[in-house]
Amino acid sequence: MRKADVKTEKDVIEYLKDWSVFERAVYVATFRIPNGKVSTYSRIAEKIARPKAQRAVANALHNNPLYPIVPCHRVVKSDGGFGGEEKAAAGRRRHVEREGVPTRHGRVILRDDILY
């Protein structure tokens, strides 16, 4: 399967069949985040029943082979900040802003209507 052929959750799973169960779960949970919403590393960890695995979620998303199909730019730190190197973080911030996610002082304004 080619990356360009990935359109559904089932396709994500098939494309990542050689990846770990944990990584597939992270990418599927992230794939589900709708446009205009964000989640946090902690929330993704909770959604995949690994509530203490926030750092592992972040590490998995750092290696996302399906960007932008799996929208890892929509996953932020618990304080609404964008982790990682400054230039990359600024790019993710601009991307979510274009999708309609409100930010202030370089962080997402985490509200119930924004969080997934």
PDB file of N, CA and C in Angstrom:
ATOM      1  N   MET A   1       0.847  -1.181   0.000  1.00  0.00           N
ATOM      2  CA  MET A   1       0.000   0.000   0.000  1.00  0.00           C
ATOM      3  C   MET A   1       0.885   1.235   0.000  1.00  0.00           C
ATOM      4  N   ARG A   2       0.514   2.185  -0.824  1.00  0.00           N
ATOM      5  CA  ARG A   2       1.247   3.452  -0.882  1.00  0.00           C
ATOM      6  C   ARG A   2       0.640   4.457   0.091  1.00  0.00           C
ATOM      7  N   LYS A   3       1.448   5.364   0.581  1.00  0.00           N
ATOM      8  CA  LYS A   3       0.975   6.396   1.502  1.00  0.00           C
ATOM      9  C   LYS A   3      -0.198   7.152   0.895  1.00  0.00           C
ATOM     10  N   ALA A   4      -0.147   7.449  -0.383  1.00  0.00           N
ATOM     11  CA  ALA A   4      -1.209   8.203  -1.054  1.00  0.00           C
ATOM     12  C   ALA A   4      -2.544   7.464  -1.037  1.00  0.00           C
ATOM     13  N   ASP A   5      -2.525   6.155  -0.829  1.00  0.00           N
ATOM     14  CA  ASP A   5      -3.751   5.353  -0.812  1.00  0.00           C
ATOM     15  C   ASP A   5      -4.411   5.298   0.567  1.00  0.00           C
ATOM     16  N   VAL A   6      -3.773   5.847   1.579  1.00  0.00           N
ATOM     17  CA  VAL A   6      -4.304   5.793   2.941  1.00  0.00           C
ATOM     18  C   VAL A   6      -5.381   6.865   3.103  1.00  0.00           C
ATOM     19  N   LYS A   7      -6.619   6.397   3.310  1.00  0.00           N
ATOM     20  CA  LYS A   7      -7.758   7.317   3.432  1.00  0.00           C
ATOM     21  C   LYS A   7      -8.599   7.058   4.679  1.00  0.00           C
ATOM     22  N   THR A   8      -8.586   5.835   5.163  1.00  0.00           N
ATOM     23  CA  THR A   8      -9.452   5.453   6.278  1.00  0.00           C
ATOM     24  C   THR A   8      -8.626   4.921   7.446  1.00  0.00           C
ATOM     25  N   GLU A   9      -9.311   4.765   8.569  1.00  0.00           N
ATOM     26  CA  GLU A   9      -8.669   4.188   9.749  1.00  0.00           C
ATOM     27  C   GLU A   9      -8.143   2.782   9.439  1.00  0.00           C
ATOM     28  N   LYS A  10      -8.914   2.015   8.720  1.00  0.00           N
ATOM     29  CA  LYS A  10      -8.491   0.665   8.313  1.00  0.00           C
ATOM     30  C   LYS A  10      -7.218   0.743   7.469  1.00  0.00           C
ATOM     31  N   ASP A  11      -7.142   1.735   6.577  1.00  0.00           N
ATOM     32  CA  ASP A  11      -5.945   1.925   5.753  1.00  0.00           C
ATOM     33  C   ASP A  11      -4.729   2.259   6.616  1.00  0.00           C
ATOM     34  N   VAL A  12      -4.933   3.087   7.646  1.00  0.00           N
ATOM     35  CA  VAL A  12      -3.831   3.440   8.555  1.00  0.00           C
ATOM     36  C   VAL A  12      -3.283   2.171   9.190  1.00  0.00           C
ATOM     37  N   ILE A  13      -4.183   1.326   9.676  1.00  0.00           N
ATOM     38  CA  ILE A  13      -3.773   0.081  10.318  1.00  0.00           C
ATOM     39  C   ILE A  13      -3.022  -0.814   9.332  1.00  0.00           C
ATOM     40  N   GLU A  14      -3.544  -0.925   8.133  1.00  0.00           N
ATOM     41  CA  GLU A  14      -2.902  -1.762   7.108  1.00  0.00           C
ATOM     42  C   GLU A  14      -1.526  -1.216   6.739  1.00  0.00           C
ATOM     43  N   TYR A  15      -1.432   0.078   6.542  1.00  0.00           N
ATOM     44  CA  TYR A  15      -0.161   0.697   6.162  1.00  0.00           C
ATOM     45  C   TYR A  15       0.901   0.461   7.236  1.00  0.00           C
ATOM     46  N   LEU A  16       0.464   0.463   8.488  1.00  0.00           N
ATOM     47  CA  LEU A  16       1.387   0.328   9.626  1.00  0.00           C
ATOM     48  C   LEU A  16       1.442  -1.090  10.185  1.00  0.00           C
ATOM     49  N   LYS A  17       1.093  -2.076   9.387  1.00  0.00           N
ATOM     50  CA  LYS A  17       1.009  -3.461   9.878  1.00  0.00           C
ATOM     51  C   LYS A  17       2.319  -3.978  10.470  1.00  0.00           C
ATOM     52  N   ASP A  18       3.448  -3.437  10.049  1.00  0.00           N
ATOM     53  CA  ASP A  18       4.739  -3.881  10.578  1.00  0.00           C
ATOM     54  C   ASP A  18       5.215  -3.052  11.775  1.00  0.00           C
ATOM     55  N   TRP A  19       4.433  -2.076  12.179  1.00  0.00           N
ATOM     56  CA  TRP A  19       4.772  -1.248  13.333  1.00  0.00           C
ATOM     57  C   TRP A  19       4.211  -1.914  14.590  1.00  0.00           C
ATOM     58  N   SER A  20       4.622  -1.426  15.758  1.00  0.00           N
ATOM     59  CA  SER A  20       4.155  -2.024  17.011  1.00  0.00           C
ATOM     60  C   SER A  20       2.675  -1.723  17.237  1.00  0.00           C
ATOM     61  N   VAL A  21       2.050  -2.550  18.070  1.00  0.00           N
ATOM     62  CA  VAL A  21       0.649  -2.344  18.436  1.00  0.00           C
ATOM     63  C   VAL A  21       0.482  -0.961  19.062  1.00  0.00           C
ATOM     64  N   PHE A  22       1.416  -0.586  19.917  1.00  0.00           N
ATOM     65  CA  PHE A  22       1.362   0.727  20.561  1.00  0.00           C
ATOM     66  C   PHE A  22       1.388   1.843  19.519  1.00  0.00           C
ATOM     67  N   GLU A  23       2.335   1.798  18.597  1.00  0.00           N
ATOM     68  CA  GLU A  23       2.448   2.853  17.587  1.00  0.00           C
ATOM     69  C   GLU A  23       1.190   2.922  16.723  1.00  0.00           C
ATOM     70  N   ARG A  24       0.677   1.779  16.306  1.00  0.00           N
ATOM     71  CA  ARG A  24      -0.563   1.780  15.512  1.00  0.00           C
ATOM     72  C   ARG A  24      -1.695   2.430  16.293  1.00  0.00           C
ATOM     73  N   ALA A  25      -1.809   2.124  17.573  1.00  0.00           N
ATOM     74  CA  ALA A  25      -2.865   2.711  18.404  1.00  0.00           C
ATOM     75  C   ALA A  25      -2.723   4.225  18.486  1.00  0.00           C
ATOM     76  N   VAL A  26      -1.489   4.696  18.657  1.00  0.00           N
ATOM     77  CA  VAL A  26      -1.236   6.144  18.714  1.00  0.00           C
ATOM     78  C   VAL A  26      -1.643   6.807  17.398  1.00  0.00           C
ATOM     79  N   TYR A  27      -1.242   6.226  16.281  1.00  0.00           N
ATOM     80  CA  TYR A  27      -1.539   6.828  14.976  1.00  0.00           C
ATOM     81  C   TYR A  27      -3.029   6.783  14.660  1.00  0.00           C
ATOM     82  N   VAL A  28      -3.717   5.725  15.040  1.00  0.00           N
ATOM     83  CA  VAL A  28      -5.163   5.660  14.812  1.00  0.00           C
ATOM     84  C   VAL A  28      -5.876   6.703  15.669  1.00  0.00           C
ATOM     85  N   ALA A  29      -5.505   6.818  16.939  1.00  0.00           N
ATOM     86  CA  ALA A  29      -6.126   7.819  17.811  1.00  0.00           C
ATOM     87  C   ALA A  29      -5.888   9.227  17.276  1.00  0.00           C
ATOM     88  N   THR A  30      -4.698   9.479  16.768  1.00  0.00           N
ATOM     89  CA  THR A  30      -4.371  10.794  16.218  1.00  0.00           C
ATOM     90  C   THR A  30      -5.105  11.022  14.900  1.00  0.00           C
ATOM     91  N   PHE A  31      -5.248   9.992  14.089  1.00  0.00           N
ATOM     92  CA  PHE A  31      -5.989  10.077  12.833  1.00  0.00           C
ATOM     93  C   PHE A  31      -7.423  10.562  13.069  1.00  0.00           C
ATOM     94  N   ARG A  32      -7.990  10.214  14.216  1.00  0.00           N
ATOM     95  CA  ARG A  32      -9.383  10.553  14.542  1.00  0.00           C
ATOM     96  C   ARG A  32      -9.590  12.012  14.941  1.00  0.00           C
ATOM     97  N   ILE A  33      -8.528  12.758  15.197  1.00  0.00           N
ATOM     98  CA  ILE A  33      -8.683  14.150  15.630  1.00  0.00           C
ATOM     99  C   ILE A  33      -9.200  14.972  14.458  1.00  0.00           C
ATOM    100  N   PRO A  34     -10.395  15.574  14.602  1.00  0.00           N
ATOM    101  CA  PRO A  34     -10.952  16.324  13.475  1.00  0.00           C
ATOM    102  C   PRO A  34     -10.258  17.666  13.251  1.00  0.00           C
ATOM    103  N   ASN A  35     -10.393  18.157  12.046  1.00  0.00           N
ATOM    104  CA  ASN A  35      -9.895  19.478  11.687  1.00  0.00           C
ATOM    105  C   ASN A  35     -10.510  20.512  12.638  1.00  0.00           C
ATOM    106  N   GLY A  36      -9.698  21.444  13.116  1.00  0.00           N
ATOM    107  CA  GLY A  36     -10.181  22.477  14.020  1.00  0.00           C
ATOM    108  C   GLY A  36     -10.169  22.084  15.481  1.00  0.00           C
ATOM    109  N   LYS A  37      -9.688  20.889  15.774  1.00  0.00           N
ATOM    110  CA  LYS A  37      -9.589  20.411  17.158  1.00  0.00           C
ATOM    111  C   LYS A  37      -8.155  20.008  17.436  1.00  0.00           C
ATOM    112  N   VAL A  38      -7.815  19.890  18.712  1.00  0.00           N
ATOM    113  CA  VAL A  38      -6.512  19.381  19.123  1.00  0.00           C
ATOM    114  C   VAL A  38      -6.715  18.387  20.255  1.00  0.00           C
ATOM    115  N   SER A  39      -5.697  17.606  20.496  1.00  0.00           N
ATOM    116  CA  SER A  39      -5.648  16.731  21.653  1.00  0.00           C
ATOM    117  C   SER A  39      -4.299  16.958  22.312  1.00  0.00           C
ATOM    118  N   THR A  40      -4.094  16.327  23.441  1.00  0.00           N
ATOM    119  CA  THR A  40      -2.804  16.413  24.120  1.00  0.00           C
ATOM    120  C   THR A  40      -2.170  15.031  24.125  1.00  0.00           C
ATOM    121  N   TYR A  41      -0.878  14.998  24.372  1.00  0.00           N
ATOM    122  CA  TYR A  41      -0.187  13.716  24.475  1.00  0.00           C
ATOM    123  C   TYR A  41      -0.833  12.866  25.568  1.00  0.00           C
ATOM    124  N   SER A  42      -1.219  13.491  26.672  1.00  0.00           N
ATOM    125  CA  SER A  42      -1.859  12.775  27.777  1.00  0.00           C
ATOM    126  C   SER A  42      -3.202  12.199  27.359  1.00  0.00           C
ATOM    127  N   ARG A  43      -3.986  12.977  26.637  1.00  0.00           N
ATOM    128  CA  ARG A  43      -5.308  12.495  26.203  1.00  0.00           C
ATOM    129  C   ARG A  43      -5.173  11.333  25.224  1.00  0.00           C
ATOM    130  N   ILE A  44      -4.203  11.412  24.330  1.00  0.00           N
ATOM    131  CA  ILE A  44      -3.977  10.293  23.404  1.00  0.00           C
ATOM    132  C   ILE A  44      -3.589   9.055  24.209  1.00  0.00           C
ATOM    133  N   ALA A  45      -2.697   9.225  25.174  1.00  0.00           N
ATOM    134  CA  ALA A  45      -2.284   8.095  26.014  1.00  0.00           C
ATOM    135  C   ALA A  45      -3.497   7.478  26.725  1.00  0.00           C
ATOM    136  N   GLU A  46      -4.393   8.315  27.223  1.00  0.00           N
ATOM    137  CA  GLU A  46      -5.599   7.816  27.887  1.00  0.00           C
ATOM    138  C   GLU A  46      -6.508   7.087  26.899  1.00  0.00           C
ATOM    139  N   LYS A  47      -6.664   7.638  25.704  1.00  0.00           N
ATOM    140  CA  LYS A  47      -7.541   7.030  24.693  1.00  0.00           C
ATOM    141  C   LYS A  47      -7.064   5.637  24.284  1.00  0.00           C
ATOM    142  N   ILE A  48      -5.772   5.398  24.357  1.00  0.00           N
ATOM    143  CA  ILE A  48      -5.253   4.075  23.972  1.00  0.00           C
ATOM    144  C   ILE A  48      -5.005   3.188  25.203  1.00  0.00           C
ATOM    145  N   ALA A  49      -5.571   3.587  26.328  1.00  0.00           N
ATOM    146  CA  ALA A  49      -5.495   2.818  27.577  1.00  0.00           C
ATOM    147  C   ALA A  49      -4.068   2.659  28.098  1.00  0.00           C
ATOM    148  N   ARG A  50      -3.258   3.690  27.870  1.00  0.00           N
ATOM    149  CA  ARG A  50      -1.887   3.718  28.405  1.00  0.00           C
ATOM    150  C   ARG A  50      -1.665   5.093  29.053  1.00  0.00           C
ATOM    151  N   PRO A  51      -2.403   5.409  30.126  1.00  0.00           N
ATOM    152  CA  PRO A  51      -2.443   6.765  30.670  1.00  0.00           C
ATOM    153  C   PRO A  51      -1.109   7.357  31.120  1.00  0.00           C
ATOM    154  N   LYS A  52      -0.111   6.547  31.350  1.00  0.00           N
ATOM    155  CA  LYS A  52       1.191   7.072  31.782  1.00  0.00           C
ATOM    156  C   LYS A  52       2.198   7.142  30.639  1.00  0.00           C
ATOM    157  N   ALA A  53       1.741   6.932  29.429  1.00  0.00           N
ATOM    158  CA  ALA A  53       2.649   6.831  28.279  1.00  0.00           C
ATOM    159  C   ALA A  53       2.725   8.105  27.445  1.00  0.00           C
ATOM    160  N   GLN A  54       2.568   9.256  28.073  1.00  0.00           N
ATOM    161  CA  GLN A  54       2.587  10.514  27.320  1.00  0.00           C
ATOM    162  C   GLN A  54       3.882  10.703  26.528  1.00  0.00           C
ATOM    163  N   ARG A  55       5.000  10.427  27.157  1.00  0.00           N
ATOM    164  CA  ARG A  55       6.286  10.600  26.478  1.00  0.00           C
ATOM    165  C   ARG A  55       6.430   9.629  25.316  1.00  0.00           C
ATOM    166  N   ALA A  56       5.968   8.414  25.494  1.00  0.00           N
ATOM    167  CA  ALA A  56       6.033   7.429  24.415  1.00  0.00           C
ATOM    168  C   ALA A  56       5.129   7.847  23.256  1.00  0.00           C
ATOM    169  N   VAL A  57       3.986   8.442  23.570  1.00  0.00           N
ATOM    170  CA  VAL A  57       3.098   8.974  22.526  1.00  0.00           C
ATOM    171  C   VAL A  57       3.832  10.058  21.748  1.00  0.00           C
ATOM    172  N   ALA A  58       4.473  10.977  22.460  1.00  0.00           N
ATOM    173  CA  ALA A  58       5.220  12.054  21.806  1.00  0.00           C
ATOM    174  C   ALA A  58       6.326  11.489  20.918  1.00  0.00           C
ATOM    175  N   ASN A  59       7.039  10.501  21.418  1.00  0.00           N
ATOM    176  CA  ASN A  59       8.109   9.881  20.624  1.00  0.00           C
ATOM    177  C   ASN A  59       7.562   9.206  19.374  1.00  0.00           C
ATOM    178  N   ALA A  60       6.445   8.512  19.509  1.00  0.00           N
ATOM    179  CA  ALA A  60       5.844   7.857  18.343  1.00  0.00           C
ATOM    180  C   ALA A  60       5.434   8.902  17.303  1.00  0.00           C
ATOM    181  N   LEU A  61       4.818   9.980  17.757  1.00  0.00           N
ATOM    182  CA  LEU A  61       4.359  11.007  16.814  1.00  0.00           C
ATOM    183  C   LEU A  61       5.528  11.750  16.177  1.00  0.00           C
ATOM    184  N   HIS A  62       6.642  11.784  16.852  1.00  0.00           N
ATOM    185  CA  HIS A  62       7.835  12.415  16.279  1.00  0.00           C
ATOM    186  C   HIS A  62       8.298  11.665  15.028  1.00  0.00           C
ATOM    187  N   ASN A  63       7.969  10.387  14.964  1.00  0.00           N
ATOM    188  CA  ASN A  63       8.374   9.549  13.834  1.00  0.00           C
ATOM    189  C   ASN A  63       7.213   9.238  12.893  1.00  0.00           C
ATOM    190  N   ASN A  64       6.204  10.072  12.860  1.00  0.00           N
ATOM    191  CA  ASN A  64       4.972   9.843  12.101  1.00  0.00           C
ATOM    192  C   ASN A  64       5.249   9.632  10.610  1.00  0.00           C
ATOM    193  N   PRO A  65       5.039   8.403  10.107  1.00  0.00           N
ATOM    194  CA  PRO A  65       5.280   8.139   8.686  1.00  0.00           C
ATOM    195  C   PRO A  65       4.115   8.554   7.798  1.00  0.00           C
ATOM    196  N   LEU A  66       3.004   8.968   8.407  1.00  0.00           N
ATOM    197  CA  LEU A  66       1.809   9.277   7.626  1.00  0.00           C
ATOM    198  C   LEU A  66       1.359  10.739   7.732  1.00  0.00           C
ATOM    199  N   TYR A  67       2.279  11.623   8.049  1.00  0.00           N
ATOM    200  CA  TYR A  67       1.920  13.044   8.075  1.00  0.00           C
ATOM    201  C   TYR A  67       1.688  13.493   6.636  1.00  0.00           C
ATOM    202  N   PRO A  68       0.691  14.259   6.340  1.00  0.00           N
ATOM    203  CA  PRO A  68      -0.340  14.859   7.186  1.00  0.00           C
ATOM    204  C   PRO A  68      -1.614  14.025   7.311  1.00  0.00           C
ATOM    205  N   ILE A  69      -1.630  12.823   6.773  1.00  0.00           N
ATOM    206  CA  ILE A  69      -2.814  11.965   6.877  1.00  0.00           C
ATOM    207  C   ILE A  69      -3.141  11.711   8.345  1.00  0.00           C
ATOM    208  N   VAL A  70      -2.125  11.408   9.124  1.00  0.00           N
ATOM    209  CA  VAL A  70      -2.253  11.326  10.583  1.00  0.00           C
ATOM    210  C   VAL A  70      -1.758  12.676  11.100  1.00  0.00           C
ATOM    211  N   PRO A  71      -2.694  13.541  11.522  1.00  0.00           N
ATOM    212  CA  PRO A  71      -2.373  14.943  11.807  1.00  0.00           C
ATOM    213  C   PRO A  71      -1.699  15.176  13.161  1.00  0.00           C
ATOM    214  N   CYS A  72      -0.445  14.774  13.265  1.00  0.00           N
ATOM    215  CA  CYS A  72       0.274  14.893  14.537  1.00  0.00           C
ATOM    216  C   CYS A  72       0.447  16.350  14.966  1.00  0.00           C
ATOM    217  N   HIS A  73       0.304  17.296  14.023  1.00  0.00           N
ATOM    218  CA  HIS A  73       0.395  18.708  14.391  1.00  0.00           C
ATOM    219  C   HIS A  73      -0.752  19.118  15.315  1.00  0.00           C
ATOM    220  N   ARG A  74      -1.789  18.290  15.403  1.00  0.00           N
ATOM    221  CA  ARG A  74      -2.940  18.582  16.257  1.00  0.00           C
ATOM    222  C   ARG A  74      -2.775  18.047  17.676  1.00  0.00           C
ATOM    223  N   VAL A  75      -1.617  17.528  18.005  1.00  0.00           N
ATOM    224  CA  VAL A  75      -1.357  17.022  19.354  1.00  0.00           C
ATOM    225  C   VAL A  75      -0.366  17.973  20.019  1.00  0.00           C
ATOM    226  N   VAL A  76      -0.777  18.491  21.181  1.00  0.00           N
ATOM    227  CA  VAL A  76       0.019  19.491  21.884  1.00  0.00           C
ATOM    228  C   VAL A  76       0.294  19.035  23.315  1.00  0.00           C
ATOM    229  N   LYS A  77       1.154  19.786  23.982  1.00  0.00           N
ATOM    230  CA  LYS A  77       1.448  19.513  25.389  1.00  0.00           C
ATOM    231  C   LYS A  77       0.232  19.892  26.238  1.00  0.00           C
ATOM    232  N   SER A  78       0.199  19.427  27.465  1.00  0.00           N
ATOM    233  CA  SER A  78      -0.939  19.671  28.356  1.00  0.00           C
ATOM    234  C   SER A  78      -1.162  21.143  28.672  1.00  0.00           C
ATOM    235  N   ASP A  79      -0.139  21.964  28.468  1.00  0.00           N
ATOM    236  CA  ASP A  79      -0.288  23.405  28.685  1.00  0.00           C
ATOM    237  C   ASP A  79      -0.647  24.137  27.393  1.00  0.00           C
ATOM    238  N   GLY A  80      -0.897  23.377  26.321  1.00  0.00           N
ATOM    239  CA  GLY A  80      -1.240  23.981  25.036  1.00  0.00           C
ATOM    240  C   GLY A  80      -0.044  24.340  24.184  1.00  0.00           C
ATOM    241  N   GLY A  81       1.143  24.113  24.711  1.00  0.00           N
ATOM    242  CA  GLY A  81       2.361  24.449  23.976  1.00  0.00           C
ATOM    243  C   GLY A  81       2.709  23.397  22.939  1.00  0.00           C
ATOM    244  N   PHE A  82       3.608  23.798  22.053  1.00  0.00           N
ATOM    245  CA  PHE A  82       4.091  22.918  20.998  1.00  0.00           C
ATOM    246  C   PHE A  82       5.510  22.525  21.342  1.00  0.00           C
ATOM    247  N   GLY A  83       5.724  21.252  21.595  1.00  0.00           N
ATOM    248  CA  GLY A  83       7.038  20.779  21.991  1.00  0.00           C
ATOM    249  C   GLY A  83       8.000  20.693  20.827  1.00  0.00           C
ATOM    250  N   GLY A  84       9.220  20.375  21.155  1.00  0.00           N
ATOM    251  CA  GLY A  84      10.231  20.160  20.130  1.00  0.00           C
ATOM    252  C   GLY A  84      10.987  21.410  19.749  1.00  0.00           C
ATOM    253  N   GLU A  85      11.728  21.276  18.675  1.00  0.00           N
ATOM    254  CA  GLU A  85      12.574  22.358  18.170  1.00  0.00           C
ATOM    255  C   GLU A  85      11.711  23.562  17.774  1.00  0.00           C
ATOM    256  N   GLU A  86      12.198  24.753  18.052  1.00  0.00           N
ATOM    257  CA  GLU A  86      11.412  25.980  17.918  1.00  0.00           C
ATOM    258  C   GLU A  86      10.828  26.199  16.521  1.00  0.00           C
ATOM    259  N   LYS A  87      11.620  25.964  15.496  1.00  0.00           N
ATOM    260  CA  LYS A  87      11.140  26.187  14.127  1.00  0.00           C
ATOM    261  C   LYS A  87      10.008  25.218  13.782  1.00  0.00           C
ATOM    262  N   ALA A  88      10.168  23.949  14.150  1.00  0.00           N
ATOM    263  CA  ALA A  88       9.130  22.942  13.892  1.00  0.00           C
ATOM    264  C   ALA A  88       7.873  23.249  14.704  1.00  0.00           C
ATOM    265  N   ALA A  89       8.053  23.661  15.959  1.00  0.00           N
ATOM    266  CA  ALA A  89       6.910  23.996  16.807  1.00  0.00           C
ATOM    267  C   ALA A  89       6.138  25.177  16.218  1.00  0.00           C
ATOM    268  N   ALA A  90       6.842  26.160  15.703  1.00  0.00           N
ATOM    269  CA  ALA A  90       6.185  27.315  15.084  1.00  0.00           C
ATOM    270  C   ALA A  90       5.389  26.889  13.852  1.00  0.00           C
ATOM    271  N   GLY A  91       5.918  25.949  13.096  1.00  0.00           N
ATOM    272  CA  GLY A  91       5.202  25.435  11.928  1.00  0.00           C
ATOM    273  C   GLY A  91       3.925  24.716  12.319  1.00  0.00           C
ATOM    274  N   ARG A  92       3.975  23.910  13.381  1.00  0.00           N
ATOM    275  CA  ARG A  92       2.772  23.209  13.854  1.00  0.00           C
ATOM    276  C   ARG A  92       1.748  24.207  14.374  1.00  0.00           C
ATOM    277  N   ARG A  93       2.231  25.247  15.062  1.00  0.00           N
ATOM    278  CA  ARG A  93       1.316  26.277  15.574  1.00  0.00           C
ATOM    279  C   ARG A  93       0.602  26.968  14.414  1.00  0.00           C
ATOM    280  N   ARG A  94       1.353  27.367  13.398  1.00  0.00           N
ATOM    281  CA  ARG A  94       0.730  28.025  12.237  1.00  0.00           C
ATOM    282  C   ARG A  94      -0.289  27.100  11.566  1.00  0.00           C
ATOM    283  N   HIS A  95       0.044  25.825  11.492  1.00  0.00           N
ATOM    284  CA  HIS A  95      -0.846  24.857  10.856  1.00  0.00           C
ATOM    285  C   HIS A  95      -2.177  24.769  11.596  1.00  0.00           C
ATOM    286  N   VAL A  96      -2.169  24.637  12.919  1.00  0.00           N
ATOM    287  CA  VAL A  96      -3.430  24.550  13.658  1.00  0.00           C
ATOM    288  C   VAL A  96      -4.181  25.879  13.624  1.00  0.00           C
ATOM    289  N   GLU A  97      -3.453  26.984  13.598  1.00  0.00           N
ATOM    290  CA  GLU A  97      -4.126  28.281  13.479  1.00  0.00           C
ATOM    291  C   GLU A  97      -4.885  28.373  12.155  1.00  0.00           C
ATOM    292  N   ARG A  98      -4.272  27.898  11.060  1.00  0.00           N
ATOM    293  CA  ARG A  98      -4.958  27.890   9.759  1.00  0.00           C
ATOM    294  C   ARG A  98      -6.200  27.003   9.790  1.00  0.00           C
ATOM    295  N   GLU A  99      -6.206  26.003  10.658  1.00  0.00           N
ATOM    296  CA  GLU A  99      -7.358  25.111  10.800  1.00  0.00           C
ATOM    297  C   GLU A  99      -8.411  25.682  11.744  1.00  0.00           C
ATOM    298  N   GLY A 100      -8.165  26.877  12.282  1.00  0.00           N
ATOM    299  CA  GLY A 100      -9.154  27.541  13.126  1.00  0.00           C
ATOM    300  C   GLY A 100      -8.990  27.339  14.613  1.00  0.00           C
ATOM    301  N   VAL A 101      -7.878  26.763  15.036  1.00  0.00           N
ATOM    302  CA  VAL A 101      -7.624  26.546  16.463  1.00  0.00           C
ATOM    303  C   VAL A 101      -7.068  27.838  17.056  1.00  0.00           C
ATOM    304  N   PRO A 102      -7.706  28.360  18.123  1.00  0.00           N
ATOM    305  CA  PRO A 102      -7.234  29.614  18.716  1.00  0.00           C
ATOM    306  C   PRO A 102      -5.954  29.420  19.529  1.00  0.00           C
ATOM    307  N   THR A 103      -5.031  30.374  19.386  1.00  0.00           N
ATOM    308  CA  THR A 103      -3.799  30.361  20.160  1.00  0.00           C
ATOM    309  C   THR A 103      -3.590  31.740  20.779  1.00  0.00           C
ATOM    310  N   ARG A 104      -2.771  31.746  21.808  1.00  0.00           N
ATOM    311  CA  ARG A 104      -2.364  33.004  22.435  1.00  0.00           C
ATOM    312  C   ARG A 104      -0.967  32.776  23.003  1.00  0.00           C
ATOM    313  N   HIS A 105      -0.074  33.691  22.689  1.00  0.00           N
ATOM    314  CA  HIS A 105       1.306  33.612  23.183  1.00  0.00           C
ATOM    315  C   HIS A 105       1.960  32.277  22.814  1.00  0.00           C
ATOM    316  N   GLY A 106       1.675  31.797  21.609  1.00  0.00           N
ATOM    317  CA  GLY A 106       2.321  30.589  21.112  1.00  0.00           C
ATOM    318  C   GLY A 106       1.767  29.278  21.633  1.00  0.00           C
ATOM    319  N   ARG A 107       0.618  29.337  22.310  1.00  0.00           N
ATOM    320  CA  ARG A 107       0.004  28.128  22.863  1.00  0.00           C
ATOM    321  C   ARG A 107      -1.459  28.049  22.424  1.00  0.00           C
ATOM    322  N   VAL A 108      -1.953  26.836  22.290  1.00  0.00           N
ATOM    323  CA  VAL A 108      -3.367  26.637  22.013  1.00  0.00           C
ATOM    324  C   VAL A 108      -4.158  27.023  23.251  1.00  0.00           C
ATOM    325  N   ILE A 109      -5.259  27.715  23.048  1.00  0.00           N
ATOM    326  CA  ILE A 109      -6.173  28.015  24.145  1.00  0.00           C
ATOM    327  C   ILE A 109      -7.032  26.770  24.333  1.00  0.00           C
ATOM    328  N   LEU A 110      -6.714  25.986  25.339  1.00  0.00           N
ATOM    329  CA  LEU A 110      -7.361  24.693  25.550  1.00  0.00           C
ATOM    330  C   LEU A 110      -8.732  24.908  26.174  1.00  0.00           C
ATOM    331  N   ARG A 111      -9.751  24.701  25.355  1.00  0.00           N
ATOM    332  CA  ARG A 111     -11.142  24.812  25.804  1.00  0.00           C
ATOM    333  C   ARG A 111     -11.851  23.506  25.441  1.00  0.00           C
ATOM    334  N   ASP A 112     -12.959  23.247  26.100  1.00  0.00           N
ATOM    335  CA  ASP A 112     -13.703  22.017  25.827  1.00  0.00           C
ATOM    336  C   ASP A 112     -14.115  21.890  24.372  1.00  0.00           C
ATOM    337  N   ASP A 113     -14.436  23.017  23.723  1.00  0.00           N
ATOM    338  CA  ASP A 113     -14.890  22.941  22.332  1.00  0.00           C
ATOM    339  C   ASP A 113     -13.723  22.742  21.357  1.00  0.00           C
ATOM    340  N   ILE A 114     -12.490  22.852  21.821  1.00  0.00           N
ATOM    341  CA  ILE A 114     -11.292  22.671  20.986  1.00  0.00           C
ATOM    342  C   ILE A 114     -10.685  21.288  21.222  1.00  0.00           C
ATOM    343  N   LEU A 115     -10.788  20.800  22.451  1.00  0.00           N
ATOM    344  CA  LEU A 115     -10.145  19.521  22.799  1.00  0.00           C
ATOM    345  C   LEU A 115     -10.899  18.331  22.255  1.00  0.00           C
ATOM    346  N   TYR A 116     -10.158  17.394  21.740  1.00  0.00           N
ATOM    347  CA  TYR A 116     -10.722  16.131  21.281  1.00  0.00           C
ATOM    348  C   TYR A 116     -10.256  15.042  22.202  1.00  0.00           C
TER     349      TYR A 116
END
